[in-house]
């Protein structure tokens, strides 16, 4: 005798949630393009950033290029860098949102002014 044993599981709710998430991500990407802003997540444990596609474009990064904390802190203008680091460090230590304006040096040498802010996760 040859026997096949299997299991069937209803994943309707999971598939609906996945579709809703895809729709939300598409709306966020569209809103970022319209507002000319980008977003990121930064894992304080691993020190690993995850950048949105729009933020990668703002930073002039290739879609597959590496990005890390040191690369970020190399971008603010030297005059603004220490102040920005202190704002972020203080906000992280106190578990509070931050906001600062800083000039950023582009890879090609140009200068842009960015408003940076965070929210609670």
PDB file of N, CA and C in Angstrom:
ATOM      1  N   UNK A   1       0.841  -1.169   0.000  1.00  0.00           N
ATOM      2  CA  UNK A   1       0.000   0.000   0.000  1.00  0.00           C
ATOM      3  C   UNK A   1       0.894   1.243   0.000  1.00  0.00           C
ATOM      4  N   UNK A   2       0.515   2.235  -0.789  1.00  0.00           N
ATOM      5  CA  UNK A   2       1.189   3.527  -0.832  1.00  0.00           C
ATOM      6  C   UNK A   2       0.248   4.537  -0.190  1.00  0.00           C
ATOM      7  N   UNK A   3       0.785   5.285   0.751  1.00  0.00           N
ATOM      8  CA  UNK A   3      -0.041   6.212   1.511  1.00  0.00           C
ATOM      9  C   UNK A   3       0.555   7.612   1.435  1.00  0.00           C
ATOM     10  N   UNK A   4      -0.267   8.579   1.234  1.00  0.00           N
ATOM     11  CA  UNK A   4       0.148   9.980   1.282  1.00  0.00           C
ATOM     12  C   UNK A   4      -0.622  10.618   2.428  1.00  0.00           C
ATOM     13  N   UNK A   5       0.097  11.267   3.284  1.00  0.00           N
ATOM     14  CA  UNK A   5      -0.552  11.945   4.400  1.00  0.00           C
ATOM     15  C   UNK A   5      -0.249  13.434   4.263  1.00  0.00           C
ATOM     16  N   UNK A   6      -1.213  14.266   4.463  1.00  0.00           N
ATOM     17  CA  UNK A   6      -1.012  15.701   4.324  1.00  0.00           C
ATOM     18  C   UNK A   6      -1.824  16.483   5.332  1.00  0.00           C
ATOM     19  N   UNK A   7      -1.587  17.764   5.306  1.00  0.00           N
ATOM     20  CA  UNK A   7      -2.302  18.678   6.192  1.00  0.00           C
ATOM     21  C   UNK A   7      -2.760  19.855   5.346  1.00  0.00           C
ATOM     22  N   UNK A   8      -3.926  20.328   5.607  1.00  0.00           N
ATOM     23  CA  UNK A   8      -4.441  21.523   4.947  1.00  0.00           C
ATOM     24  C   UNK A   8      -4.771  22.539   6.038  1.00  0.00           C
ATOM     25  N   UNK A   9      -4.354  23.762   5.814  1.00  0.00           N
ATOM     26  CA  UNK A   9      -4.552  24.797   6.822  1.00  0.00           C
ATOM     27  C   UNK A   9      -5.158  26.033   6.157  1.00  0.00           C
ATOM     28  N   UNK A  10      -6.118  26.631   6.771  1.00  0.00           N
ATOM     29  CA  UNK A  10      -6.763  27.831   6.242  1.00  0.00           C
ATOM     30  C   UNK A  10      -5.877  29.045   6.559  1.00  0.00           C
ATOM     31  N   UNK A  11      -5.349  29.667   5.522  1.00  0.00           N
ATOM     32  CA  UNK A  11      -4.485  30.848   5.698  1.00  0.00           C
ATOM     33  C   UNK A  11      -5.109  32.092   5.066  1.00  0.00           C
ATOM     34  N   UNK A  12      -6.416  32.086   4.941  1.00  0.00           N
ATOM     35  CA  UNK A  12      -7.133  33.208   4.326  1.00  0.00           C
ATOM     36  C   UNK A  12      -6.818  34.519   5.038  1.00  0.00           C
ATOM     37  N   UNK A  13      -6.885  34.520   6.359  1.00  0.00           N
ATOM     38  CA  UNK A  13      -6.632  35.753   7.116  1.00  0.00           C
ATOM     39  C   UNK A  13      -5.198  36.236   6.934  1.00  0.00           C
ATOM     40  N   UNK A  14      -4.241  35.308   6.925  1.00  0.00           N
ATOM     41  CA  UNK A  14      -2.844  35.696   6.738  1.00  0.00           C
ATOM     42  C   UNK A  14      -2.633  36.309   5.355  1.00  0.00           C
ATOM     43  N   UNK A  15      -3.216  35.710   4.322  1.00  0.00           N
ATOM     44  CA  UNK A  15      -3.075  36.247   2.961  1.00  0.00           C
ATOM     45  C   UNK A  15      -3.723  37.626   2.847  1.00  0.00           C
ATOM     46  N   UNK A  16      -4.856  37.828   3.505  1.00  0.00           N
ATOM     47  CA  UNK A  16      -5.512  39.142   3.489  1.00  0.00           C
ATOM     48  C   UNK A  16      -4.642  40.177   4.198  1.00  0.00           C
ATOM     49  N   UNK A  17      -4.023  39.782   5.318  1.00  0.00           N
ATOM     50  CA  UNK A  17      -3.134  40.704   6.049  1.00  0.00           C
ATOM     51  C   UNK A  17      -1.910  41.048   5.212  1.00  0.00           C
ATOM     52  N   UNK A  18      -1.354  40.070   4.509  1.00  0.00           N
ATOM     53  CA  UNK A  18      -0.193  40.328   3.645  1.00  0.00           C
ATOM     54  C   UNK A  18      -0.549  41.308   2.538  1.00  0.00           C
ATOM     55  N   UNK A  19      -1.729  41.161   1.946  1.00  0.00           N
ATOM     56  CA  UNK A  19      -2.163  42.069   0.884  1.00  0.00           C
ATOM     57  C   UNK A  19      -2.369  43.476   1.433  1.00  0.00           C
ATOM     58  N   UNK A  20      -2.954  43.586   2.608  1.00  0.00           N
ATOM     59  CA  UNK A  20      -3.168  44.900   3.231  1.00  0.00           C
ATOM     60  C   UNK A  20      -1.817  45.571   3.513  1.00  0.00           C
ATOM     61  N   UNK A  21      -0.830  44.796   3.976  1.00  0.00           N
ATOM     62  CA  UNK A  21       0.504  45.330   4.226  1.00  0.00           C
ATOM     63  C   UNK A  21       1.137  45.830   2.931  1.00  0.00           C
ATOM     64  N   UNK A  22       1.032  45.052   1.851  1.00  0.00           N
ATOM     65  CA  UNK A  22       1.575  45.495   0.555  1.00  0.00           C
ATOM     66  C   UNK A  22       0.939  46.810   0.119  1.00  0.00           C
ATOM     67  N   UNK A  23      -0.373  46.921   0.291  1.00  0.00           N
ATOM     68  CA  UNK A  23      -1.071  48.159  -0.078  1.00  0.00           C
ATOM     69  C   UNK A  23      -0.582  49.334   0.769  1.00  0.00           C
ATOM     70  N   UNK A  24      -0.397  49.117   2.067  1.00  0.00           N
ATOM     71  CA  UNK A  24       0.088  50.180   2.957  1.00  0.00           C
ATOM     72  C   UNK A  24       1.494  50.615   2.581  1.00  0.00           C
ATOM     73  N   UNK A  25       2.349  49.652   2.257  1.00  0.00           N
ATOM     74  CA  UNK A  25       3.720  49.978   1.859  1.00  0.00           C
ATOM     75  C   UNK A  25       3.739  50.772   0.560  1.00  0.00           C
ATOM     76  N   UNK A  26       2.853  50.428  -0.376  1.00  0.00           N
ATOM     77  CA  UNK A  26       2.774  51.167  -1.644  1.00  0.00           C
ATOM     78  C   UNK A  26       2.300  52.603  -1.400  1.00  0.00           C
ATOM     79  N   UNK A  27       1.332  52.778  -0.506  1.00  0.00           N
ATOM     80  CA  UNK A  27       0.847  54.131  -0.187  1.00  0.00           C
ATOM     81  C   UNK A  27       1.933  54.960   0.492  1.00  0.00           C
ATOM     82  N   UNK A  28       2.690  54.350   1.402  1.00  0.00           N
ATOM     83  CA  UNK A  28       3.788  55.068   2.060  1.00  0.00           C
ATOM     84  C   UNK A  28       4.832  55.494   1.034  1.00  0.00           C
ATOM     85  N   UNK A  29       5.200  54.597   0.131  1.00  0.00           N
ATOM     86  CA  UNK A  29       6.192  54.931  -0.895  1.00  0.00           C
ATOM     87  C   UNK A  29       5.697  56.092  -1.762  1.00  0.00           C
ATOM     88  N   UNK A  30       4.420  56.067  -2.129  1.00  0.00           N
ATOM     89  CA  UNK A  30       3.853  57.153  -2.931  1.00  0.00           C
ATOM     90  C   UNK A  30       3.871  58.465  -2.150  1.00  0.00           C
ATOM     91  N   UNK A  31       3.499  58.435  -0.885  1.00  0.00           N
ATOM     92  CA  UNK A  31       3.497  59.647  -0.059  1.00  0.00           C
ATOM     93  C   UNK A  31       4.911  60.204   0.080  1.00  0.00           C
ATOM     94  N   UNK A  32       5.909  59.331   0.261  1.00  0.00           N
ATOM     95  CA  UNK A  32       7.293  59.800   0.374  1.00  0.00           C
ATOM     96  C   UNK A  32       7.751  60.473  -0.913  1.00  0.00           C
ATOM     97  N   UNK A  33       7.380  59.907  -2.059  1.00  0.00           N
ATOM     98  CA  UNK A  33       7.765  60.536  -3.336  1.00  0.00           C
ATOM     99  C   UNK A  33       7.123  61.915  -3.466  1.00  0.00           C
ATOM    100  N   UNK A  34       5.840  62.012  -3.141  1.00  0.00           N
ATOM    101  CA  UNK A  34       5.126  63.285  -3.261  1.00  0.00           C
ATOM    102  C   UNK A  34       5.678  64.344  -2.311  1.00  0.00           C
ATOM    103  N   UNK A  35       6.058  63.932  -1.112  1.00  0.00           N
ATOM    104  CA  UNK A  35       6.560  64.878  -0.104  1.00  0.00           C
ATOM    105  C   UNK A  35       8.067  65.094  -0.212  1.00  0.00           C
ATOM    106  N   UNK A  36       8.722  64.374  -1.097  1.00  0.00           N
ATOM    107  CA  UNK A  36      10.181  64.416  -1.241  1.00  0.00           C
ATOM    108  C   UNK A  36      10.867  64.191   0.106  1.00  0.00           C
ATOM    109  N   UNK A  37      10.445  63.124   0.765  1.00  0.00           N
ATOM    110  CA  UNK A  37      11.072  62.734   2.021  1.00  0.00           C
ATOM    111  C   UNK A  37      11.254  61.223   2.016  1.00  0.00           C
ATOM    112  N   UNK A  38      12.073  60.746   2.893  1.00  0.00           N
ATOM    113  CA  UNK A  38      12.292  59.316   3.012  1.00  0.00           C
ATOM    114  C   UNK A  38      12.274  58.926   4.467  1.00  0.00           C
ATOM    115  N   UNK A  39      12.163  57.646   4.711  1.00  0.00           N
ATOM    116  CA  UNK A  39      12.100  57.170   6.089  1.00  0.00           C
ATOM    117  C   UNK A  39      13.120  56.055   6.305  1.00  0.00           C
ATOM    118  N   UNK A  40      13.362  55.782   7.567  1.00  0.00           N
ATOM    119  CA  UNK A  40      14.304  54.723   7.906  1.00  0.00           C
ATOM    120  C   UNK A  40      13.933  54.131   9.255  1.00  0.00           C
ATOM    121  N   UNK A  41      14.412  52.943   9.476  1.00  0.00           N
ATOM    122  CA  UNK A  41      14.377  52.303  10.794  1.00  0.00           C
ATOM    123  C   UNK A  41      15.822  52.083  11.179  1.00  0.00           C
ATOM    124  N   UNK A  42      16.123  52.244  12.459  1.00  0.00           N
ATOM    125  CA  UNK A  42      17.477  52.008  12.931  1.00  0.00           C
ATOM    126  C   UNK A  42      17.394  51.124  14.164  1.00  0.00           C
ATOM    127  N   UNK A  43      17.935  49.931  14.055  1.00  0.00           N
ATOM    128  CA  UNK A  43      17.927  48.974  15.159  1.00  0.00           C
ATOM    129  C   UNK A  43      19.055  49.334  16.120  1.00  0.00           C
ATOM    130  N   UNK A  44      18.695  49.781  17.314  1.00  0.00           N
ATOM    131  CA  UNK A  44      19.704  50.219  18.281  1.00  0.00           C
ATOM    132  C   UNK A  44      20.546  49.064  18.808  1.00  0.00           C
ATOM    133  N   UNK A  45      20.055  47.847  18.731  1.00  0.00           N
ATOM    134  CA  UNK A  45      20.814  46.688  19.198  1.00  0.00           C
ATOM    135  C   UNK A  45      21.881  46.284  18.192  1.00  0.00           C
ATOM    136  N   UNK A  46      21.483  46.143  16.927  1.00  0.00           N
ATOM    137  CA  UNK A  46      22.426  45.703  15.884  1.00  0.00           C
ATOM    138  C   UNK A  46      23.135  46.868  15.202  1.00  0.00           C
ATOM    139  N   UNK A  47      22.626  48.091  15.433  1.00  0.00           N
ATOM    140  CA  UNK A  47      23.148  49.312  14.790  1.00  0.00           C
ATOM    141  C   UNK A  47      22.935  49.255  13.273  1.00  0.00           C
ATOM    142  N   UNK A  48      21.926  48.531  12.820  1.00  0.00           N
ATOM    143  CA  UNK A  48      21.661  48.362  11.394  1.00  0.00           C
ATOM    144  C   UNK A  48      20.503  49.252  10.948  1.00  0.00           C
ATOM    145  N   UNK A  49      20.753  50.100   9.943  1.00  0.00           N
ATOM    146  CA  UNK A  49      19.676  50.922   9.397  1.00  0.00           C
ATOM    147  C   UNK A  49      18.983  50.224   8.222  1.00  0.00           C
ATOM    148  N   UNK A  50      17.694  50.516   8.062  1.00  0.00           N
ATOM    149  CA  UNK A  50      16.932  50.078   6.898  1.00  0.00           C
ATOM    150  C   UNK A  50      16.310  51.328   6.303  1.00  0.00           C
ATOM    151  N   UNK A  51      16.682  51.655   5.068  1.00  0.00           N
ATOM    152  CA  UNK A  51      16.231  52.890   4.426  1.00  0.00           C
ATOM    153  C   UNK A  51      15.141  52.609   3.413  1.00  0.00           C
ATOM    154  N   UNK A  52      14.174  53.523   3.333  1.00  0.00           N
ATOM    155  CA  UNK A  52      13.146  53.410   2.303  1.00  0.00           C
ATOM    156  C   UNK A  52      13.777  53.699   0.943  1.00  0.00           C
ATOM    157  N   UNK A  53      13.087  53.266  -0.097  1.00  0.00           N
ATOM    158  CA  UNK A  53      13.585  53.499  -1.459  1.00  0.00           C
ATOM    159  C   UNK A  53      13.759  54.992  -1.730  1.00  0.00           C
ATOM    160  N   UNK A  54      12.810  55.802  -1.272  1.00  0.00           N
ATOM    161  CA  UNK A  54      12.890  57.249  -1.495  1.00  0.00           C
ATOM    162  C   UNK A  54      14.080  57.865  -0.761  1.00  0.00           C
ATOM    163  N   UNK A  55      14.353  57.414   0.455  1.00  0.00           N
ATOM    164  CA  UNK A  55      15.501  57.955   1.196  1.00  0.00           C
ATOM    165  C   UNK A  55      16.801  57.553   0.499  1.00  0.00           C
ATOM    166  N   UNK A  56      16.846  56.354  -0.053  1.00  0.00           N
ATOM    167  CA  UNK A  56      18.034  55.939  -0.809  1.00  0.00           C
ATOM    168  C   UNK A  56      18.241  56.873  -2.010  1.00  0.00           C
ATOM    169  N   UNK A  57      17.159  57.294  -2.646  1.00  0.00           N
ATOM    170  CA  UNK A  57      17.274  58.220  -3.772  1.00  0.00           C
ATOM    171  C   UNK A  57      17.741  59.593  -3.289  1.00  0.00           C
ATOM    172  N   UNK A  58      17.208  60.055  -2.168  1.00  0.00           N
ATOM    173  CA  UNK A  58      17.621  61.347  -1.620  1.00  0.00           C
ATOM    174  C   UNK A  58      19.115  61.332  -1.300  1.00  0.00           C
ATOM    175  N   UNK A  59      19.592  60.211  -0.731  1.00  0.00           N
ATOM    176  CA  UNK A  59      21.007  60.068  -0.383  1.00  0.00           C
ATOM    177  C   UNK A  59      21.867  59.696  -1.586  1.00  0.00           C
ATOM    178  N   UNK A  60      21.249  59.535  -2.751  1.00  0.00           N
ATOM    179  CA  UNK A  60      21.955  59.176  -3.986  1.00  0.00           C
ATOM    180  C   UNK A  60      22.664  57.820  -3.853  1.00  0.00           C
ATOM    181  N   UNK A  61      21.935  56.848  -3.320  1.00  0.00           N
ATOM    182  CA  UNK A  61      22.475  55.497  -3.142  1.00  0.00           C
ATOM    183  C   UNK A  61      21.883  54.559  -4.179  1.00  0.00           C
ATOM    184  N   UNK A  62      22.691  53.639  -4.660  1.00  0.00           N
ATOM    185  CA  UNK A  62      22.178  52.586  -5.519  1.00  0.00           C
ATOM    186  C   UNK A  62      21.257  51.690  -4.690  1.00  0.00           C
ATOM    187  N   UNK A  63      20.253  51.083  -5.327  1.00  0.00           N
ATOM    188  CA  UNK A  63      19.308  50.253  -4.575  1.00  0.00           C
ATOM    189  C   UNK A  63      19.963  49.135  -3.758  1.00  0.00           C
ATOM    190  N   UNK A  64      21.056  48.581  -4.245  1.00  0.00           N
ATOM    191  CA  UNK A  64      21.689  47.452  -3.557  1.00  0.00           C
ATOM    192  C   UNK A  64      22.932  47.829  -2.757  1.00  0.00           C
ATOM    193  N   UNK A  65      23.250  49.123  -2.699  1.00  0.00           N
ATOM    194  CA  UNK A  65      24.477  49.507  -2.012  1.00  0.00           C
ATOM    195  C   UNK A  65      24.320  49.405  -0.496  1.00  0.00           C
ATOM    196  N   UNK A  66      25.439  49.169   0.156  1.00  0.00           N
ATOM    197  CA  UNK A  66      25.476  49.092   1.613  1.00  0.00           C
ATOM    198  C   UNK A  66      25.299  50.481   2.210  1.00  0.00           C
ATOM    199  N   UNK A  67      24.750  50.533   3.384  1.00  0.00           N
ATOM    200  CA  UNK A  67      24.597  51.785   4.108  1.00  0.00           C
ATOM    201  C   UNK A  67      24.711  51.449   5.580  1.00  0.00           C
ATOM    202  N   UNK A  68      25.502  52.228   6.297  1.00  0.00           N
ATOM    203  CA  UNK A  68      25.643  51.965   7.727  1.00  0.00           C
ATOM    204  C   UNK A  68      25.752  53.284   8.483  1.00  0.00           C
ATOM    205  N   UNK A  69      25.822  53.169   9.787  1.00  0.00           N
ATOM    206  CA  UNK A  69      25.836  54.336  10.662  1.00  0.00           C
ATOM    207  C   UNK A  69      27.034  55.253  10.379  1.00  0.00           C
ATOM    208  N   UNK A  70      28.202  54.680  10.171  1.00  0.00           N
ATOM    209  CA  UNK A  70      29.395  55.491   9.890  1.00  0.00           C
ATOM    210  C   UNK A  70      29.237  56.270   8.588  1.00  0.00           C
ATOM    211  N   UNK A  71      28.636  55.627   7.585  1.00  0.00           N
ATOM    212  CA  UNK A  71      28.422  56.311   6.306  1.00  0.00           C
ATOM    213  C   UNK A  71      27.466  57.485   6.502  1.00  0.00           C
ATOM    214  N   UNK A  72      26.444  57.296   7.341  1.00  0.00           N
ATOM    215  CA  UNK A  72      25.507  58.381   7.604  1.00  0.00           C
ATOM    216  C   UNK A  72      26.224  59.566   8.250  1.00  0.00           C
ATOM    217  N   UNK A  73      27.009  59.285   9.300  1.00  0.00           N
ATOM    218  CA  UNK A  73      27.642  60.380  10.041  1.00  0.00           C
ATOM    219  C   UNK A  73      28.776  61.049   9.262  1.00  0.00           C
ATOM    220  N   UNK A  74      29.171  60.468   8.151  1.00  0.00           N
ATOM    221  CA  UNK A  74      30.147  61.132   7.285  1.00  0.00           C
ATOM    222  C   UNK A  74      29.472  62.196   6.415  1.00  0.00           C
ATOM    223  N   UNK A  75      28.155  62.144   6.279  1.00  0.00           N
ATOM    224  CA  UNK A  75      27.425  63.048   5.396  1.00  0.00           C
ATOM    225  C   UNK A  75      27.155  64.448   5.941  1.00  0.00           C
ATOM    226  N   UNK A  76      26.803  64.614   7.229  1.00  0.00           N
ATOM    227  CA  UNK A  76      26.536  65.984   7.688  1.00  0.00           C
ATOM    228  C   UNK A  76      27.774  66.872   7.533  1.00  0.00           C
ATOM    229  N   UNK A  77      27.537  68.119   7.231  1.00  0.00           N
ATOM    230  CA  UNK A  77      28.625  69.085   7.121  1.00  0.00           C
ATOM    231  C   UNK A  77      29.406  69.062   8.440  1.00  0.00           C
ATOM    232  N   UNK A  78      30.740  69.145   8.383  1.00  0.00           N
ATOM    233  CA  UNK A  78      31.534  69.076   9.618  1.00  0.00           C
ATOM    234  C   UNK A  78      31.093  70.056  10.705  1.00  0.00           C
ATOM    235  N   UNK A  79      30.625  71.217  10.317  1.00  0.00           N
ATOM    236  CA  UNK A  79      30.176  72.206  11.296  1.00  0.00           C
ATOM    237  C   UNK A  79      28.896  71.762  12.008  1.00  0.00           C
ATOM    238  N   UNK A  80      28.059  70.961  11.343  1.00  0.00           N
ATOM    239  CA  UNK A  80      26.778  70.517  11.899  1.00  0.00           C
ATOM    240  C   UNK A  80      26.854  69.142  12.560  1.00  0.00           C
ATOM    241  N   UNK A  81      27.874  68.385  12.259  1.00  0.00           N
ATOM    242  CA  UNK A  81      27.950  66.973  12.648  1.00  0.00           C
ATOM    243  C   UNK A  81      27.883  66.751  14.157  1.00  0.00           C
ATOM    244  N   UNK A  82      28.700  67.445  14.922  1.00  0.00           N
ATOM    245  CA  UNK A  82      28.757  67.206  16.362  1.00  0.00           C
ATOM    246  C   UNK A  82      27.428  67.554  17.041  1.00  0.00           C
ATOM    247  N   UNK A  83      26.837  68.677  16.646  1.00  0.00           N
ATOM    248  CA  UNK A  83      25.547  69.080  17.213  1.00  0.00           C
ATOM    249  C   UNK A  83      24.487  68.027  16.904  1.00  0.00           C
ATOM    250  N   UNK A  84      24.453  67.545  15.655  1.00  0.00           N
ATOM    251  CA  UNK A  84      23.467  66.533  15.266  1.00  0.00           C
ATOM    252  C   UNK A  84      23.667  65.244  16.059  1.00  0.00           C
ATOM    253  N   UNK A  85      24.921  64.826  16.217  1.00  0.00           N
ATOM    254  CA  UNK A  85      25.210  63.615  17.003  1.00  0.00           C
ATOM    255  C   UNK A  85      24.728  63.763  18.442  1.00  0.00           C
ATOM    256  N   UNK A  86      24.946  64.932  19.026  1.00  0.00           N
ATOM    257  CA  UNK A  86      24.530  65.174  20.409  1.00  0.00           C
ATOM    258  C   UNK A  86      23.005  65.141  20.543  1.00  0.00           C
ATOM    259  N   UNK A  87      22.305  65.707  19.568  1.00  0.00           N
ATOM    260  CA  UNK A  87      20.843  65.688  19.589  1.00  0.00           C
ATOM    261  C   UNK A  87      20.341  64.243  19.551  1.00  0.00           C
ATOM    262  N   UNK A  88      20.871  63.458  18.636  1.00  0.00           N
ATOM    263  CA  UNK A  88      20.434  62.068  18.487  1.00  0.00           C
ATOM    264  C   UNK A  88      20.818  61.251  19.718  1.00  0.00           C
ATOM    265  N   UNK A  89      22.043  61.405  20.180  1.00  0.00           N
ATOM    266  CA  UNK A  89      22.502  60.645  21.345  1.00  0.00           C
ATOM    267  C   UNK A  89      21.633  60.949  22.571  1.00  0.00           C
ATOM    268  N   UNK A  90      21.332  62.217  22.804  1.00  0.00           N
ATOM    269  CA  UNK A  90      20.497  62.599  23.942  1.00  0.00           C
ATOM    270  C   UNK A  90      19.082  62.047  23.823  1.00  0.00           C
ATOM    271  N   UNK A  91      18.526  62.095  22.621  1.00  0.00           N
ATOM    272  CA  UNK A  91      17.168  61.585  22.418  1.00  0.00           C
ATOM    273  C   UNK A  91      17.112  60.080  22.635  1.00  0.00           C
ATOM    274  N   UNK A  92      18.105  59.363  22.151  1.00  0.00           N
ATOM    275  CA  UNK A  92      18.141  57.911  22.342  1.00  0.00           C
ATOM    276  C   UNK A  92      18.283  57.584  23.826  1.00  0.00           C
ATOM    277  N   UNK A  93      19.163  58.292  24.516  1.00  0.00           N
ATOM    278  CA  UNK A  93      19.380  58.040  25.948  1.00  0.00           C
ATOM    279  C   UNK A  93      18.105  58.274  26.761  1.00  0.00           C
ATOM    280  N   UNK A  94      17.303  59.248  26.343  1.00  0.00           N
ATOM    281  CA  UNK A  94      16.078  59.582  27.071  1.00  0.00           C
ATOM    282  C   UNK A  94      14.830  58.929  26.466  1.00  0.00           C
ATOM    283  N   UNK A  95      15.027  58.133  25.400  1.00  0.00           N
ATOM    284  CA  UNK A  95      13.896  57.484  24.703  1.00  0.00           C
ATOM    285  C   UNK A  95      12.863  58.514  24.254  1.00  0.00           C
ATOM    286  N   UNK A  96      13.349  59.598  23.666  1.00  0.00           N
ATOM    287  CA  UNK A  96      12.476  60.666  23.197  1.00  0.00           C
ATOM    288  C   UNK A  96      12.724  60.914  21.709  1.00  0.00           C
ATOM    289  N   UNK A  97      11.735  61.466  21.020  1.00  0.00           N
ATOM    290  CA  UNK A  97      11.940  61.841  19.618  1.00  0.00           C
ATOM    291  C   UNK A  97      12.963  62.979  19.501  1.00  0.00           C
ATOM    292  N   UNK A  98      13.541  63.125  18.326  1.00  0.00           N
ATOM    293  CA  UNK A  98      14.481  64.221  18.088  1.00  0.00           C
ATOM    294  C   UNK A  98      14.109  64.959  16.813  1.00  0.00           C
ATOM    295  N   UNK A  99      14.689  66.157  16.687  1.00  0.00           N
ATOM    296  CA  UNK A  99      14.538  66.953  15.469  1.00  0.00           C
ATOM    297  C   UNK A  99      15.742  67.872  15.351  1.00  0.00           C
ATOM    298  N   UNK A 100      16.312  67.941  14.153  1.00  0.00           N
ATOM    299  CA  UNK A 100      17.389  68.881  13.899  1.00  0.00           C
ATOM    300  C   UNK A 100      17.493  69.145  12.397  1.00  0.00           C
ATOM    301  N   UNK A 101      18.066  70.274  12.057  1.00  0.00           N
ATOM    302  CA  UNK A 101      18.347  70.644  10.672  1.00  0.00           C
ATOM    303  C   UNK A 101      19.854  70.607  10.505  1.00  0.00           C
ATOM    304  N   UNK A 102      20.301  70.005   9.416  1.00  0.00           N
ATOM    305  CA  UNK A 102      21.742  69.931   9.159  1.00  0.00           C
ATOM    306  C   UNK A 102      21.999  69.985   7.656  1.00  0.00           C
ATOM    307  N   UNK A 103      23.139  70.529   7.326  1.00  0.00           N
ATOM    308  CA  UNK A 103      23.586  70.522   5.933  1.00  0.00           C
ATOM    309  C   UNK A 103      24.245  69.177   5.655  1.00  0.00           C
ATOM    310  N   UNK A 104      23.966  68.625   4.479  1.00  0.00           N
ATOM    311  CA  UNK A 104      24.529  67.334   4.086  1.00  0.00           C
ATOM    312  C   UNK A 104      25.349  67.495   2.823  1.00  0.00           C
ATOM    313  N   UNK A 105      26.520  66.910   2.842  1.00  0.00           N
ATOM    314  CA  UNK A 105      27.409  66.941   1.690  1.00  0.00           C
ATOM    315  C   UNK A 105      27.079  65.732   0.823  1.00  0.00           C
ATOM    316  N   UNK A 106      26.746  65.993  -0.431  1.00  0.00           N
ATOM    317  CA  UNK A 106      26.418  64.919  -1.365  1.00  0.00           C
ATOM    318  C   UNK A 106      27.693  64.259  -1.871  1.00  0.00           C
ATOM    319  N   UNK A 107      27.583  63.023  -2.355  1.00  0.00           N
ATOM    320  CA  UNK A 107      28.766  62.326  -2.881  1.00  0.00           C
ATOM    321  C   UNK A 107      29.488  63.117  -3.980  1.00  0.00           C
ATOM    322  N   UNK A 108      28.719  63.872  -4.768  1.00  0.00           N
ATOM    323  CA  UNK A 108      29.310  64.661  -5.853  1.00  0.00           C
ATOM    324  C   UNK A 108      29.896  65.978  -5.357  1.00  0.00           C
ATOM    325  N   UNK A 109      29.700  66.281  -4.060  1.00  0.00           N
ATOM    326  CA  UNK A 109      30.250  67.502  -3.493  1.00  0.00           C
ATOM    327  C   UNK A 109      29.241  68.600  -3.247  1.00  0.00           C
ATOM    328  N   UNK A 110      28.015  68.439  -3.755  1.00  0.00           N
ATOM    329  CA  UNK A 110      26.986  69.449  -3.539  1.00  0.00           C
ATOM    330  C   UNK A 110      26.543  69.475  -2.085  1.00  0.00           C
ATOM    331  N   UNK A 111      25.717  70.443  -1.767  1.00  0.00           N
ATOM    332  CA  UNK A 111      25.240  70.604  -0.392  1.00  0.00           C
ATOM    333  C   UNK A 111      23.710  70.635  -0.411  1.00  0.00           C
ATOM    334  N   UNK A 112      23.082  69.925   0.512  1.00  0.00           N
ATOM    335  CA  UNK A 112      21.636  69.921   0.693  1.00  0.00           C
ATOM    336  C   UNK A 112      21.347  70.185   2.165  1.00  0.00           C
ATOM    337  N   UNK A 113      20.200  70.722   2.454  1.00  0.00           N
ATOM    338  CA  UNK A 113      19.790  70.952   3.841  1.00  0.00           C
ATOM    339  C   UNK A 113      18.646  69.993   4.149  1.00  0.00           C
ATOM    340  N   UNK A 114      18.815  69.215   5.209  1.00  0.00           N
ATOM    341  CA  UNK A 114      17.816  68.217   5.577  1.00  0.00           C
ATOM    342  C   UNK A 114      17.233  68.522   6.954  1.00  0.00           C
ATOM    343  N   UNK A 115      15.926  68.356   7.052  1.00  0.00           N
ATOM    344  CA  UNK A 115      15.241  68.345   8.346  1.00  0.00           C
ATOM    345  C   UNK A 115      15.168  66.885   8.755  1.00  0.00           C
ATOM    346  N   UNK A 116      15.708  66.558   9.897  1.00  0.00           N
ATOM    347  CA  UNK A 116      15.735  65.189  10.402  1.00  0.00           C
ATOM    348  C   UNK A 116      14.908  65.129  11.672  1.00  0.00           C
ATOM    349  N   UNK A 117      14.051  64.140  11.749  1.00  0.00           N
ATOM    350  CA  UNK A 117      13.287  63.965  12.973  1.00  0.00           C
ATOM    351  C   UNK A 117      12.904  62.510  13.134  1.00  0.00           C
ATOM    352  N   UNK A 118      12.581  62.171  14.365  1.00  0.00           N
ATOM    353  CA  UNK A 118      12.198  60.797  14.663  1.00  0.00           C
ATOM    354  C   UNK A 118      10.867  60.799  15.388  1.00  0.00           C
ATOM    355  N   UNK A 119      10.327  59.631  15.498  1.00  0.00           N
ATOM    356  CA  UNK A 119       9.135  59.419  16.311  1.00  0.00           C
ATOM    357  C   UNK A 119       9.383  58.179  17.152  1.00  0.00           C
ATOM    358  N   UNK A 120       8.521  57.924  18.054  1.00  0.00           N
ATOM    359  CA  UNK A 120       8.658  56.705  18.843  1.00  0.00           C
ATOM    360  C   UNK A 120       8.258  55.520  17.988  1.00  0.00           C
ATOM    361  N   UNK A 121       8.957  54.411  18.186  1.00  0.00           N
ATOM    362  CA  UNK A 121       8.630  53.196  17.417  1.00  0.00           C
ATOM    363  C   UNK A 121       7.397  52.530  17.991  1.00  0.00           C
TER     364      UNK A 121
END
